C-alpha atoms as a PDB file:
ATOM      1  CA  MET A   1       0.036  -0.112   0.067  1.00  0.00           C
ATOM      2  CA  GLU A   2       2.826   2.595   0.969  1.00  0.00           C
ATOM      3  CA  ASP A   3       4.550   1.665  -2.294  1.00  0.00           C
ATOM      4  CA  GLU A   4       1.462   2.307  -4.362  1.00  0.00           C
ATOM      5  CA  TYR A   5       0.765   5.555  -2.699  1.00  0.00           C
ATOM      6  CA  LYS A   6       4.525   6.832  -3.355  1.00  0.00           C
ATOM      7  CA  GLU A   7       4.211   6.051  -6.995  1.00  0.00           C
ATOM      8  CA  VAL A   8       1.059   7.377  -7.424  1.00  0.00           C
ATOM      9  CA  VAL A   9       2.171  10.634  -5.713  1.00  0.00           C
ATOM     10  CA  LYS A  10       5.273  10.733  -7.700  1.00  0.00           C
ATOM     11  CA  GLU A  11       3.058  10.381 -10.927  1.00  0.00           C
ATOM     12  CA  PHE A  12       0.820  13.103  -9.929  1.00  0.00           C
ATOM     13  CA  TYR A  13       3.508  15.591  -9.718  1.00  0.00           C
ATOM     14  CA  LYS A  14       5.303  14.289 -12.727  1.00  0.00           C
ATOM     15  CA  VAL A  15       1.962  15.220 -14.662  1.00  0.00           C
ATOM     16  CA  TYR A  16       1.203  18.356 -12.469  1.00  0.00           C
ATOM     17  CA  ARG A  17       4.599  20.493 -12.254  1.00  0.00           C
ATOM     18  CA  PRO A  18       5.151  21.036 -16.069  1.00  0.00           C
ATOM     19  CA  LEU A  19       1.303  21.699 -16.357  1.00  0.00           C
ATOM     20  CA  GLN A  20       1.711  24.065 -13.315  1.00  0.00           C
ATOM     21  CA  LYS A  21       4.477  26.094 -14.611  1.00  0.00           C
ATOM     22  CA  ARG A  22       3.263  26.573 -18.061  1.00  0.00           C
ATOM     23  CA  TYR A  23      -0.321  27.456 -16.996  1.00  0.00           C
ATOM     24  CA  SER A  24      -0.144  28.810 -13.918  1.00  0.00           C
ATOM     25  CA  LEU A  25      -1.878  26.065 -11.737  1.00  0.00           C
ATOM     26  CA  ARG A  26      -2.118  25.861  -8.143  1.00  0.00           C
ATOM     27  CA  SER A  27      -3.717  23.128  -5.860  1.00  0.00           C
ATOM     28  CA  HIS A  28      -5.266  22.657  -2.946  1.00  0.00           C
ATOM     29  CA  MET A  29      -5.608  18.986  -1.144  1.00  0.00           C
ATOM     30  CA  HIS A  30      -7.138  17.916   1.882  1.00  0.00           C
ATOM     31  CA  PHE A  31      -6.890  14.393   3.379  1.00  0.00           C
ATOM     32  CA  SER A  32      -8.306  13.297   6.963  1.00  0.00           C
ATOM     33  CA  ALA A  33      -8.417  10.162   8.898  1.00  0.00           C
ATOM     34  CA  TYR A  34     -12.316  10.018   8.209  1.00  0.00           C
ATOM     35  CA  ALA A  35     -11.888   8.480   5.177  1.00  0.00           C
ATOM     36  CA  ASP A  36     -12.297  11.827   2.753  1.00  0.00           C
ATOM     37  CA  GLY A  37     -10.078  13.371   0.758  1.00  0.00           C
ATOM     38  CA  ILE A  38     -10.214  16.228  -1.899  1.00  0.00           C
ATOM     39  CA  ILE A  39      -7.755  17.784  -4.461  1.00  0.00           C
ATOM     40  CA  GLU A  40      -8.854  21.028  -6.429  1.00  0.00           C
ATOM     41  CA  ILE A  41      -6.646  22.492  -9.046  1.00  0.00           C
ATOM     42  CA  TRP A  42      -7.166  26.008 -10.304  1.00  0.00           C
ATOM     43  CA  GLU A  43      -5.873  28.062 -13.156  1.00  0.00           C
ATOM     44  CA  TYR A  44      -4.597  31.469 -12.294  1.00  0.00           C
ATOM     45  CA  MET A  45      -3.758  34.805 -13.631  1.00  0.00           C
ATOM     46  CA  GLY A  46      -1.206  36.334 -11.490  1.00  0.00           C
ATOM     47  CA  GLU A  47      -3.163  36.169  -8.330  1.00  0.00           C
ATOM     48  CA  THR A  48      -6.670  36.055  -9.657  1.00  0.00           C
ATOM     49  CA  GLN A  49      -8.114  32.636  -9.444  1.00  0.00           C
ATOM     50  CA  LYS A  50      -9.478  32.060 -12.938  1.00  0.00           C
ATOM     51  CA  LYS A  51     -11.103  28.446 -13.802  1.00  0.00           C
ATOM     52  CA  ARG A  52     -11.345  25.534 -11.634  1.00  0.00           C
ATOM     53  CA  ILE A  53      -9.589  22.399 -13.501  1.00  0.00           C
ATOM     54  CA  CYS A  54     -10.939  19.851 -11.344  1.00  0.00           C
ATOM     55  CA  LYS A  55     -12.330  19.133  -8.033  1.00  0.00           C
ATOM     56  CA  ILE A  56     -11.802  15.371  -7.005  1.00  0.00           C
ATOM     57  CA  LYS A  57     -13.566  13.726  -4.098  1.00  0.00           C
ATOM     58  CA  GLU A  58     -12.737  10.222  -3.100  1.00  0.00           C
ATOM     59  CA  VAL A  59     -12.567   7.956  -0.314  1.00  0.00           C
ATOM     60  CA  THR A  60      -9.079   7.012  -0.456  1.00  0.00           C
ATOM     61  CA  GLU A  61      -5.837   9.212  -1.288  1.00  0.00           C
ATOM     62  CA  ILE A  62      -4.381   7.067  -4.021  1.00  0.00           C
ATOM     63  CA  ASP A  63      -7.837   7.374  -5.551  1.00  0.00           C
ATOM     64  CA  CYS A  64      -7.506  11.116  -5.122  1.00  0.00           C
ATOM     65  CA  TYR A  65      -4.280  11.310  -6.753  1.00  0.00           C
ATOM     66  CA  LYS A  66      -5.551   8.768  -9.891  1.00  0.00           C
ATOM     67  CA  ARG A  67      -8.608  10.827 -10.901  1.00  0.00           C
ATOM     68  CA  ALA A  68      -6.605  14.072 -10.582  1.00  0.00           C
ATOM     69  CA  ILE A  69      -3.961  12.448 -12.718  1.00  0.00           C
ATOM     70  CA  GLU A  70      -6.490  11.668 -15.162  1.00  0.00           C
ATOM     71  CA  HIS A  71      -8.031  14.984 -15.198  1.00  0.00           C
ATOM     72  CA  LEU A  72      -4.674  16.890 -15.646  1.00  0.00           C
ATOM     73  CA  LYS A  73      -3.792  14.515 -18.756  1.00  0.00           C
ATOM     74  CA  ILE A  74      -6.914  15.648 -20.427  1.00  0.00           C
ATOM     75  CA  TYR A  75      -6.507  19.320 -19.525  1.00  0.00           C
ATOM     76  CA  GLY A  76      -3.067  19.071 -21.001  1.00  0.00           C
ATOM     77  CA  ARG A  77      -4.302  17.569 -24.168  1.00  0.00           C
ATOM     78  CA  GLU A  78      -6.938  20.103 -24.507  1.00  0.00           C
ATOM     79  CA  LYS A  79      -4.735  23.037 -23.869  1.00  0.00           C
ATOM     80  CA  GLU A  80      -2.131  21.595 -26.502  1.00  0.00           C
ATOM     81  CA  GLU A  81      -4.876  20.882 -29.124  1.00  0.00           C
ATOM     82  CA  LYS A  82      -6.191  24.493 -28.574  1.00  0.00           C
ATOM     83  CA  GLU A  83      -2.506  26.088 -28.917  1.00  0.00           C
ATOM     84  CA  ASN A  84      -1.831  23.850 -32.082  1.00  0.00           C
ATOM     85  CA  LYS A  85      -5.090  25.400 -33.759  1.00  0.00           C
ATOM     86  CA  ARG A  86      -4.344  28.836 -32.890  1.00  0.00           C
ATOM     87  CA  ASN A  87      -0.800  28.558 -34.126  1.00  0.00           C
ATOM     88  CA  THR A  88      -2.071  26.734 -37.514  1.00  0.00           C
ATOM     89  CA  ALA A  89      -4.571  29.497 -37.951  1.00  0.00           C
ATOM     90  CA  VAL A  90      -1.798  32.079 -37.589  1.00  0.00           C
ATOM     91  CA  ALA A  91       0.539  30.296 -40.050  1.00  0.00           C
ATOM     92  CA  VAL A  92      -1.882  30.182 -42.643  1.00  0.00           C
END
């Protein structure tokens, strides 16, 4: 269990950190002993909170991180697609 936790947290930050730097993301996490957890990730512009990327609520921390990873991967793909379309439109 501990190894799985370490791996999923490592994977989360592997996905999150590059997106955090590129798109000014911030996260809020809360886990308690009462079997509930939450991860929220927001897009910021300067110090202003703009758009919530995801709000994950799960019973275990591991499940929370796994779902957050899925959401971050989707978010990253969508942002890249928008940028590629924008760059293609400018080039034409």
